[in-house]
Amino acid sequence: MNIEELLDKIRISGDKALTESESKQVLGAYGVPVISETVAFSEDEAVEAARKTGFPVVLKGLGATLLHKTERGLVHLNLADDETVRKAASLIAQKAGDELEGLLIQPQVQGKREFVAGLFRDEQFGPVIMFGIGGVFTEALSDVTFRVAPLTETDAAEMLDEIKAKSLLGEFRGEKAANRDKLIKTLMGLARIGMEIPQISEIDINPLVITSGGDVIAVDALIVPGKIQAKKEYRPPVAPTDVRALFYPKSIAFIGASGTMGKWGHMLVVNTISGGYKGDIYLVNPRGGTIAGRHVYKSVTEIPGNVDLGVVTIPAKMVLGLIPQFKEKGIKNMLLITSGFSETGEKGKALERELVMEAGKAGIVILGPNTMDICNPHRDLNCTSTPTTPMAGSTSIVSQSGNLGVQLLAFGGF
């Protein structure tokens, strides 16, 4: 079966496994340096193939379902003559039974250094390329590094230098340095497969042997096809310039401002004022009046000046109604403290989806919901629930846990 037929087989059948030989044909077509090998279908053919290959040889059982050959006794190394090849072929046939589709004959490769390279598909990130220490130490040491495809040559080169055992790729105990170009081509080839053949869900090259002369050879490989993952819908990306406006606002409106101590609408207002924020601050509450000695507007649209950031603490069911007001006022950024959205169940998820959709139409960026605060010491902005303000520096924190984030801010203030 030629490479085009193999690729068609993968694309059409989807979940039908490839044999080791077929896997290597695919990898070889994408620039991976695979070992030369011969497929035989009888003991006599195996012996003849071993003679042509040149002793010593390796003999393996071949079959789409024979995935863990070493553990099943289906790999025989250092076979030095016709008799040992014939005996090994007989043993493999007995152990593999009906799963055996053929016999694979390879030259015995000498190499003390073994690495692993592979591909898997992450539900969120797509094809991910892996490189690290191989052989029997792969699982024990877990010395591996990862990159999301597609890869550049720079990405692949960086992967080689990121593992702890990178010294094994250089000159080592009288053996020449590994051919980095071949290693880079291997990783680039895996990335291309990941991008071009979505029906392939996993690839495992182990071991990827480095010979004493520095050559790189994939002596064992496995390709696992799978169904194409359904594309997930993600929220549209936010431009970095838009994110910056959230953290460097020249004016802030607090929608849901409160005079009651302990409420978010009070804590955020008071801490922002006491933190020394130099921009304009507007308070909004339908009741009007004054809070902390400042005038309170009954709606967003009553605010006389421009507003860069709206901090929202009103109940979830009322947030959607703010979008038209934000649009009319020209407010492009919302810090949504309010909870009661996707974290509460299906109703909350539906409300959140509608909010995101309407905000997107209005050109409004939302940080939240169910978030806690923003702190930017470079702007004297302490819109948080803690009065402690850290000093300005070069460290940034983005915390999934709001409580943990606030504690880290408190530590940074001392």
Protein backbone atom coordinates (compact mmCIF):
# COMPACT_ATOMS: atom_id res chain seq x y z
CA MET A 1 0.00 0.00 0.00
CA ASN A 2 1.55 3.32 -1.09
CA ILE A 3 1.46 6.49 0.99
CA GLU A 4 -1.53 7.99 -0.84
CA GLU A 5 -3.53 4.81 -0.28
CA LEU A 6 -2.55 4.86 3.39
CA LEU A 7 -3.62 8.47 3.80
CA ASP A 8 -6.92 7.68 2.08
CA LYS A 9 -7.35 4.72 4.44
CA ILE A 10 -6.92 7.03 7.43
CA ARG A 11 -9.26 9.69 6.09
CA ILE A 12 -11.99 7.27 5.03
CA SER A 13 -11.95 4.68 7.83
CA GLY A 14 -11.29 7.24 10.56
CA ASP A 15 -10.89 4.91 13.53
CA LYS A 16 -9.18 1.85 11.98
CA ALA A 17 -5.73 1.40 13.51
CA LEU A 18 -2.54 1.24 11.41
CA THR A 19 0.15 -1.38 11.77
CA GLU A 20 3.64 -0.35 12.83
CA SER A 21 4.84 -0.64 9.24
CA GLU A 22 1.98 1.50 7.93
CA SER A 23 2.58 4.05 10.68
CA LYS A 24 6.21 4.41 9.65
CA GLN A 25 5.29 4.83 6.01
CA VAL A 26 3.15 7.82 6.94
CA LEU A 27 5.84 9.27 9.19
CA GLY A 28 8.53 8.76 6.56
CA ALA A 29 6.44 10.66 4.03
CA TYR A 30 6.49 13.63 6.43
CA GLY A 31 10.25 13.69 6.90
CA VAL A 32 10.60 11.53 10.01
CA PRO A 33 13.78 9.35 9.72
CA VAL A 34 12.31 5.85 10.11
CA ILE A 35 14.26 2.62 10.12
CA SER A 36 14.43 0.53 6.93
CA GLU A 37 12.41 -2.66 7.35
CA THR A 38 10.75 -5.52 5.50
CA VAL A 39 7.36 -7.17 6.00
CA ALA A 40 7.23 -10.98 5.72
CA PHE A 41 4.23 -13.32 5.83
CA SER A 42 5.92 -16.64 6.66
CA GLU A 43 8.96 -18.04 8.47
CA ASP A 44 10.75 -18.63 5.17
CA GLU A 45 10.11 -15.07 4.03
CA ALA A 46 11.33 -13.77 7.38
CA VAL A 47 14.57 -15.75 7.09
CA GLU A 48 15.15 -14.51 3.54
CA ALA A 49 14.46 -10.91 4.58
CA ALA A 50 16.88 -11.24 7.50
CA ARG A 51 19.62 -12.44 5.15
CA LYS A 52 19.10 -9.46 2.84
CA THR A 53 18.99 -7.04 5.79
CA GLY A 54 22.14 -8.48 7.31
CA PHE A 55 22.51 -10.05 10.73
CA PRO A 56 21.90 -9.24 13.53
CA VAL A 57 18.23 -8.35 13.04
CA VAL A 58 15.11 -7.56 15.06
CA LEU A 59 11.92 -9.55 14.46
CA LYS A 60 8.50 -8.19 15.49
CA GLY A 61 4.94 -9.34 15.26
CA LEU A 62 2.89 -7.11 12.97
CA GLY A 63 -0.82 -6.37 13.35
CA ALA A 64 -3.21 -3.46 13.80
CA THR A 65 -4.23 -4.71 17.27
CA LEU A 66 -0.71 -5.60 18.45
CA LEU A 67 -0.03 -2.35 20.30
CA HIS A 68 2.13 -3.50 23.24
CA LYS A 69 4.41 -5.96 21.50
CA THR A 70 7.30 -5.98 23.97
CA GLU A 71 5.07 -6.83 26.93
CA ARG A 72 3.48 -9.65 24.93
CA GLY A 73 6.80 -11.18 23.90
CA LEU A 74 6.40 -10.23 20.25
CA VAL A 75 9.76 -8.48 19.86
CA HIS A 76 12.99 -10.47 19.50
CA LEU A 77 16.34 -8.67 19.41
CA ASN A 78 19.85 -9.50 18.18
CA LEU A 79 18.89 -12.49 16.04
CA ALA A 80 22.20 -13.62 14.57
CA ASP A 81 21.33 -16.43 12.10
CA ASP A 82 18.60 -18.27 10.18
CA GLU A 83 17.79 -20.62 13.04
CA THR A 84 17.17 -17.89 15.63
CA VAL A 85 15.00 -15.96 13.17
CA ARG A 86 12.92 -19.05 12.37
CA LYS A 87 12.51 -19.89 16.06
CA ALA A 88 11.51 -16.29 16.92
CA ALA A 89 8.97 -16.24 14.08
CA SER A 90 7.38 -19.44 15.40
CA LEU A 91 7.14 -18.06 18.94
CA ILE A 92 5.60 -14.81 17.72
CA ALA A 93 2.98 -16.72 15.72
CA GLN A 94 2.04 -18.77 18.77
CA LYS A 95 1.68 -15.74 21.07
CA ALA A 96 -0.06 -13.40 18.63
CA GLY A 97 -2.54 -15.95 17.27
CA ASP A 98 -5.21 -14.57 14.97
CA GLU A 99 -4.06 -11.00 15.59
CA LEU A 100 -0.86 -11.60 13.58
CA GLU A 101 -0.90 -10.00 10.14
CA GLY A 102 2.78 -10.44 9.33
CA LEU A 103 6.35 -10.26 10.57
CA LEU A 104 8.52 -7.17 10.59
CA ILE A 105 12.27 -7.50 10.03
CA GLN A 106 14.60 -4.63 10.94
CA PRO A 107 18.37 -4.22 11.28
CA GLN A 108 19.54 -4.24 14.90
CA VAL A 109 20.30 -0.58 15.63
CA GLN A 110 22.98 0.17 18.19
CA GLY A 111 22.32 3.29 20.26
CA LYS A 112 22.55 4.00 23.97
CA ARG A 113 20.41 7.15 23.83
CA GLU A 114 16.66 6.83 23.37
CA PHE A 115 14.11 9.62 23.06
CA VAL A 116 10.38 9.86 22.46
CA ALA A 117 8.43 12.10 20.12
CA GLY A 118 4.73 12.20 19.51
CA LEU A 119 1.46 13.97 18.90
CA PHE A 120 -1.90 14.10 20.62
CA ARG A 121 -4.99 16.23 20.18
CA ASP A 122 -6.06 18.45 23.02
CA GLU A 123 -9.75 19.31 23.17
CA GLN A 124 -9.01 23.03 23.48
CA PHE A 125 -5.62 23.56 21.81
CA GLY A 126 -5.75 20.98 19.00
CA PRO A 127 -2.61 19.11 17.86
CA VAL A 128 0.15 19.14 20.49
CA ILE A 129 3.71 17.95 19.80
CA MET A 130 5.77 16.21 22.48
CA PHE A 131 9.50 15.44 22.84
CA GLY A 132 11.49 13.92 25.70
CA ILE A 133 13.40 11.01 27.18
CA GLY A 134 12.27 7.72 25.66
CA GLY A 135 12.63 3.99 26.01
CA VAL A 136 11.73 2.40 29.33
CA PHE A 137 12.32 5.71 31.17
CA THR A 138 9.55 7.73 29.47
CA GLU A 139 6.88 7.18 32.11
CA ALA A 140 9.30 6.90 35.04
CA LEU A 141 11.10 10.22 34.48
CA SER A 142 8.45 12.27 32.64
CA ASP A 143 11.18 14.46 31.17
CA VAL A 144 9.16 15.90 28.29
CA THR A 145 8.26 19.22 26.70
CA PHE A 146 5.29 20.29 24.58
CA ARG A 147 4.33 22.76 21.83
CA VAL A 148 1.03 23.47 20.10
CA ALA A 149 1.14 22.96 16.32
CA PRO A 150 1.95 24.46 13.90
CA LEU A 151 5.66 24.65 14.75
CA THR A 152 8.43 26.83 13.42
CA GLU A 153 12.00 25.54 13.29
CA THR A 154 12.73 27.83 16.23
CA ASP A 155 9.94 26.17 18.24
CA ALA A 156 11.33 22.71 17.48
CA ALA A 157 14.89 23.74 18.36
CA GLU A 158 13.69 25.19 21.67
CA MET A 159 11.99 21.90 22.52
CA LEU A 160 15.30 20.05 22.20
CA ASP A 161 16.89 22.40 24.73
CA GLU A 162 14.04 22.36 27.26
CA ILE A 163 14.30 18.80 28.58
CA LYS A 164 16.45 18.17 31.65
CA ALA A 165 18.44 15.48 29.82
CA LYS A 166 19.38 17.75 26.91
CA SER A 167 23.06 16.95 27.51
CA LEU A 168 22.36 13.52 25.98
CA LEU A 169 21.85 15.25 22.66
CA GLY A 170 25.43 16.53 22.69
CA GLU A 171 28.64 14.52 22.59
CA PHE A 172 28.23 11.87 25.25
CA ARG A 173 30.73 9.26 26.48
CA GLY A 174 32.54 8.94 23.18
CA GLU A 175 29.37 9.14 21.07
CA LYS A 176 28.80 11.96 18.61
CA ALA A 177 26.20 14.68 19.12
CA ALA A 178 22.74 13.93 17.83
CA ASN A 179 21.82 15.22 14.40
CA ARG A 180 19.69 18.20 15.46
CA ASP A 181 18.46 18.82 11.92
CA LYS A 182 16.86 15.35 11.83
CA LEU A 183 15.32 15.85 15.27
CA ILE A 184 13.89 19.20 14.20
CA LYS A 185 12.53 17.66 10.99
CA THR A 186 10.91 14.93 13.07
CA LEU A 187 9.07 17.43 15.26
CA MET A 188 8.14 19.58 12.26
CA GLY A 189 6.84 16.49 10.45
CA LEU A 190 4.64 15.57 13.39
CA ALA A 191 3.28 19.10 13.47
CA ARG A 192 2.45 18.96 9.75
CA ILE A 193 0.61 15.68 10.23
CA GLY A 194 -1.33 17.22 13.09
CA MET A 195 -2.39 20.14 10.91
CA GLU A 196 -3.04 18.22 7.68
CA ILE A 197 -4.62 14.95 8.85
CA PRO A 198 -7.22 15.68 11.55
CA GLN A 199 -8.27 12.01 11.50
CA ILE A 200 -5.02 11.11 13.32
CA SER A 201 -5.57 11.50 17.04
CA GLU A 202 -2.28 10.19 18.43
CA ILE A 203 1.28 9.37 17.34
CA ASP A 204 3.91 7.69 19.49
CA ILE A 205 7.53 7.33 18.30
CA ASN A 206 9.35 5.41 21.01
CA PRO A 207 12.20 4.86 20.91
CA LEU A 208 13.72 7.50 18.70
CA VAL A 209 17.25 6.18 18.84
CA ILE A 210 20.45 8.24 18.62
CA THR A 211 23.25 6.06 17.26
CA SER A 212 26.89 6.34 18.35
CA GLY A 213 27.51 8.30 15.17
CA GLY A 214 24.74 10.78 16.01
CA ASP A 215 22.19 9.54 13.48
CA VAL A 216 18.50 9.71 14.42
CA ILE A 217 16.26 6.73 13.71
CA ALA A 218 12.64 6.01 14.64
CA VAL A 219 12.71 2.24 15.29
CA ASP A 220 9.17 1.89 16.64
CA ALA A 221 6.07 3.96 15.97
CA LEU A 222 2.33 3.91 16.43
CA ILE A 223 -0.36 6.00 14.76
CA VAL A 224 -3.83 5.93 16.28
CA PRO A 225 -6.59 7.31 14.02
CA GLY A 226 -9.75 8.74 15.51
CA LYS A 227 -12.82 10.71 14.63
CA ILE A 228 -12.40 14.37 13.80
CA GLN A 229 -13.15 16.44 16.87
CA ALA A 230 -16.11 18.72 16.51
CA LYS A 231 -15.07 22.35 16.42
CA LYS A 232 -15.95 24.14 19.61
CA GLU A 233 -17.28 27.64 19.60
CA TYR A 234 -15.07 30.09 21.42
CA ARG A 235 -15.68 33.67 22.30
CA PRO A 236 -14.00 36.10 19.90
CA PRO A 237 -10.49 37.20 20.96
CA VAL A 238 -9.98 40.61 22.52
CA ALA A 239 -7.34 42.92 21.07
CA PRO A 240 -4.45 43.72 23.47
CA THR A 241 -5.17 47.43 23.09
CA ASP A 242 -8.70 46.83 24.38
CA VAL A 243 -7.39 44.88 27.38
CA ARG A 244 -5.07 47.76 28.24
CA ALA A 245 -8.03 50.11 28.55
CA LEU A 246 -9.41 47.95 31.34
CA PHE A 247 -6.32 48.45 33.47
CA TYR A 248 -5.55 52.11 32.65
CA PRO A 249 -8.95 53.83 32.80
CA LYS A 250 -9.04 57.62 33.00
CA SER A 251 -12.54 57.52 34.47
CA ILE A 252 -14.65 54.93 36.28
CA ALA A 253 -18.39 54.56 36.86
CA PHE A 254 -19.55 52.31 39.70
CA ILE A 255 -22.96 50.91 38.73
CA GLY A 256 -24.54 49.59 41.90
CA ALA A 257 -22.69 51.94 44.25
CA SER A 258 -23.86 51.45 47.83
CA GLY A 259 -23.62 53.27 51.13
CA THR A 260 -23.84 50.00 53.08
CA MET A 261 -20.52 48.81 54.47
CA GLY A 262 -19.57 45.26 53.48
CA LYS A 263 -21.34 45.36 50.12
CA TRP A 264 -19.27 45.17 46.95
CA GLY A 265 -20.76 48.43 45.76
CA HIS A 266 -19.31 50.09 48.85
CA MET A 267 -15.94 48.33 49.25
CA LEU A 268 -14.82 48.90 45.67
CA VAL A 269 -15.80 52.57 45.73
CA VAL A 270 -14.13 53.31 49.06
CA ASN A 271 -10.92 51.43 48.28
CA THR A 272 -10.62 53.05 44.86
CA ILE A 273 -10.99 56.52 46.39
CA SER A 274 -8.69 55.86 49.36
CA GLY A 275 -6.13 54.22 47.08
CA GLY A 276 -5.42 57.57 45.48
CA TYR A 277 -6.92 57.00 42.05
CA LYS A 278 -6.46 60.24 40.07
CA GLY A 279 -9.15 59.76 37.44
CA ASP A 280 -12.79 60.80 37.54
CA ILE A 281 -15.14 58.64 39.63
CA TYR A 282 -18.90 58.47 39.06
CA LEU A 283 -21.37 56.66 41.30
CA VAL A 284 -24.61 55.20 39.91
CA ASN A 285 -27.63 53.99 41.87
CA PRO A 286 -31.33 54.39 40.92
CA ARG A 287 -32.01 55.92 44.35
CA GLY A 288 -29.68 58.85 43.73
CA GLY A 289 -28.53 60.92 46.71
CA THR A 290 -24.94 60.89 47.94
CA ILE A 291 -22.46 58.16 48.93
CA ALA A 292 -19.11 58.91 50.60
CA GLY A 293 -19.84 62.58 50.10
CA ARG A 294 -20.20 62.19 46.32
CA HIS A 295 -23.20 62.80 44.09
CA VAL A 296 -24.97 59.62 42.90
CA TYR A 297 -26.44 59.50 39.39
CA LYS A 298 -29.65 57.56 38.85
CA SER A 299 -28.54 56.06 35.55
CA VAL A 300 -25.42 55.67 33.45
CA THR A 301 -26.73 58.05 30.82
CA GLU A 302 -26.95 60.91 33.38
CA ILE A 303 -23.17 60.94 33.87
CA PRO A 304 -21.84 64.22 32.40
CA GLY A 305 -18.30 63.12 31.47
CA ASN A 306 -16.70 60.32 29.49
CA VAL A 307 -16.40 56.91 31.14
CA ASP A 308 -13.61 54.44 30.32
CA LEU A 309 -14.63 51.64 32.69
CA GLY A 310 -17.92 50.60 34.21
CA VAL A 311 -17.69 48.53 37.42
CA VAL A 312 -20.93 46.58 37.79
CA THR A 313 -22.27 45.09 41.04
CA ILE A 314 -26.03 45.03 40.36
CA PRO A 315 -28.00 41.71 40.30
CA ALA A 316 -27.41 39.40 37.32
CA LYS A 317 -30.94 39.76 35.92
CA MET A 318 -30.41 43.53 35.53
CA VAL A 319 -26.98 43.47 33.83
CA LEU A 320 -28.28 42.85 30.32
CA GLY A 321 -30.28 46.08 30.55
CA LEU A 322 -27.02 48.02 30.99
CA ILE A 323 -25.73 47.18 27.52
CA PRO A 324 -27.90 49.77 25.69
CA GLN A 325 -26.94 52.39 28.30
CA PHE A 326 -23.23 51.58 27.95
CA LYS A 327 -23.54 51.78 24.17
CA GLU A 328 -25.33 55.14 24.31
CA LYS A 329 -22.77 56.51 26.75
CA GLY A 330 -19.83 55.10 24.77
CA ILE A 331 -18.50 52.92 27.60
CA LYS A 332 -16.37 50.18 26.02
CA ASN A 333 -15.20 48.27 29.12
CA MET A 334 -17.09 46.51 31.89
CA LEU A 335 -15.70 44.94 35.06
CA LEU A 336 -18.52 42.58 35.98
CA ILE A 337 -18.34 41.66 39.66
CA THR A 338 -21.87 40.24 39.68
CA SER A 339 -22.34 36.47 40.10
CA GLY A 340 -25.33 34.41 38.99
CA PHE A 341 -24.28 33.46 35.47
CA SER A 342 -22.77 30.23 34.07
CA GLU A 343 -21.56 29.06 37.49
CA THR A 344 -25.19 28.64 38.58
CA GLY A 345 -26.41 26.21 35.90
CA GLU A 346 -28.17 26.18 32.54
CA LYS A 347 -30.25 29.32 33.16
CA GLY A 348 -27.16 31.23 34.14
CA LYS A 349 -25.27 29.92 31.11
CA ALA A 350 -28.05 31.07 28.79
CA LEU A 351 -28.06 34.52 30.40
CA GLU A 352 -24.28 34.75 30.08
CA ARG A 353 -24.36 33.76 26.40
CA GLU A 354 -26.98 36.44 25.71
CA LEU A 355 -24.96 39.03 27.61
CA VAL A 356 -21.77 38.20 25.70
CA MET A 357 -23.62 38.31 22.37
CA GLU A 358 -25.22 41.69 23.07
CA ALA A 359 -21.98 43.13 24.48
CA GLY A 360 -20.15 41.97 21.35
CA LYS A 361 -22.68 43.71 19.12
CA ALA A 362 -22.22 46.89 21.15
CA GLY A 363 -18.41 46.66 21.08
CA ILE A 364 -18.13 46.26 24.84
CA VAL A 365 -15.35 44.19 26.46
CA ILE A 366 -16.40 42.38 29.65
CA LEU A 367 -14.01 41.17 32.32
CA GLY A 368 -16.09 38.70 34.31
CA PRO A 369 -18.72 37.80 35.37
CA ASN A 370 -18.33 36.59 38.94
CA THR A 371 -14.95 38.24 39.17
CA MET A 372 -13.61 40.23 42.10
CA ASP A 373 -11.53 43.23 41.20
CA ILE A 374 -8.72 45.00 39.34
CA CYS A 375 -5.57 46.46 40.85
CA ASN A 376 -3.01 48.52 38.95
CA PRO A 377 -0.52 50.29 41.23
CA HIS A 378 0.99 52.08 38.20
CA ARG A 379 -2.31 53.93 37.90
CA ASP A 380 -2.98 54.14 41.66
CA LEU A 381 -5.99 51.98 40.89
CA ASN A 382 -7.06 49.77 43.77
CA CYS A 383 -10.54 48.70 42.70
CA THR A 384 -10.44 45.72 45.07
CA SER A 385 -12.09 44.44 48.23
CA THR A 386 -8.93 45.01 50.28
CA PRO A 387 -7.53 48.40 51.34
CA THR A 388 -3.98 47.11 51.01
CA THR A 389 -2.25 48.50 47.91
CA PRO A 390 0.93 46.82 46.64
CA MET A 391 3.82 48.89 45.34
CA ALA A 392 4.20 49.33 41.58
CA GLY A 393 6.61 46.84 40.06
CA SER A 394 7.16 44.46 37.15
CA THR A 395 5.12 41.46 38.35
CA SER A 396 1.56 40.81 37.17
CA ILE A 397 -0.92 38.34 38.65
CA VAL A 398 -3.94 36.82 36.95
CA SER A 399 -5.71 34.54 39.41
CA GLN A 400 -8.55 32.12 38.70
CA SER A 401 -9.36 32.29 42.40
CA GLY A 402 -10.42 35.79 43.35
CA ASN A 403 -9.85 35.10 47.04
CA LEU A 404 -6.32 33.85 46.38
CA GLY A 405 -5.63 36.84 44.15
CA VAL A 406 -6.69 39.28 46.87
CA GLN A 407 -4.48 37.49 49.40
CA LEU A 408 -1.51 37.72 47.06
CA LEU A 409 -2.19 41.44 46.64
CA ALA A 410 -2.24 41.81 50.41
CA PHE A 411 1.12 40.04 50.67
CA GLY A 412 2.48 42.36 47.99
CA GLY A 413 1.50 45.39 50.04
CA PHE A 414 3.91 44.63 52.87
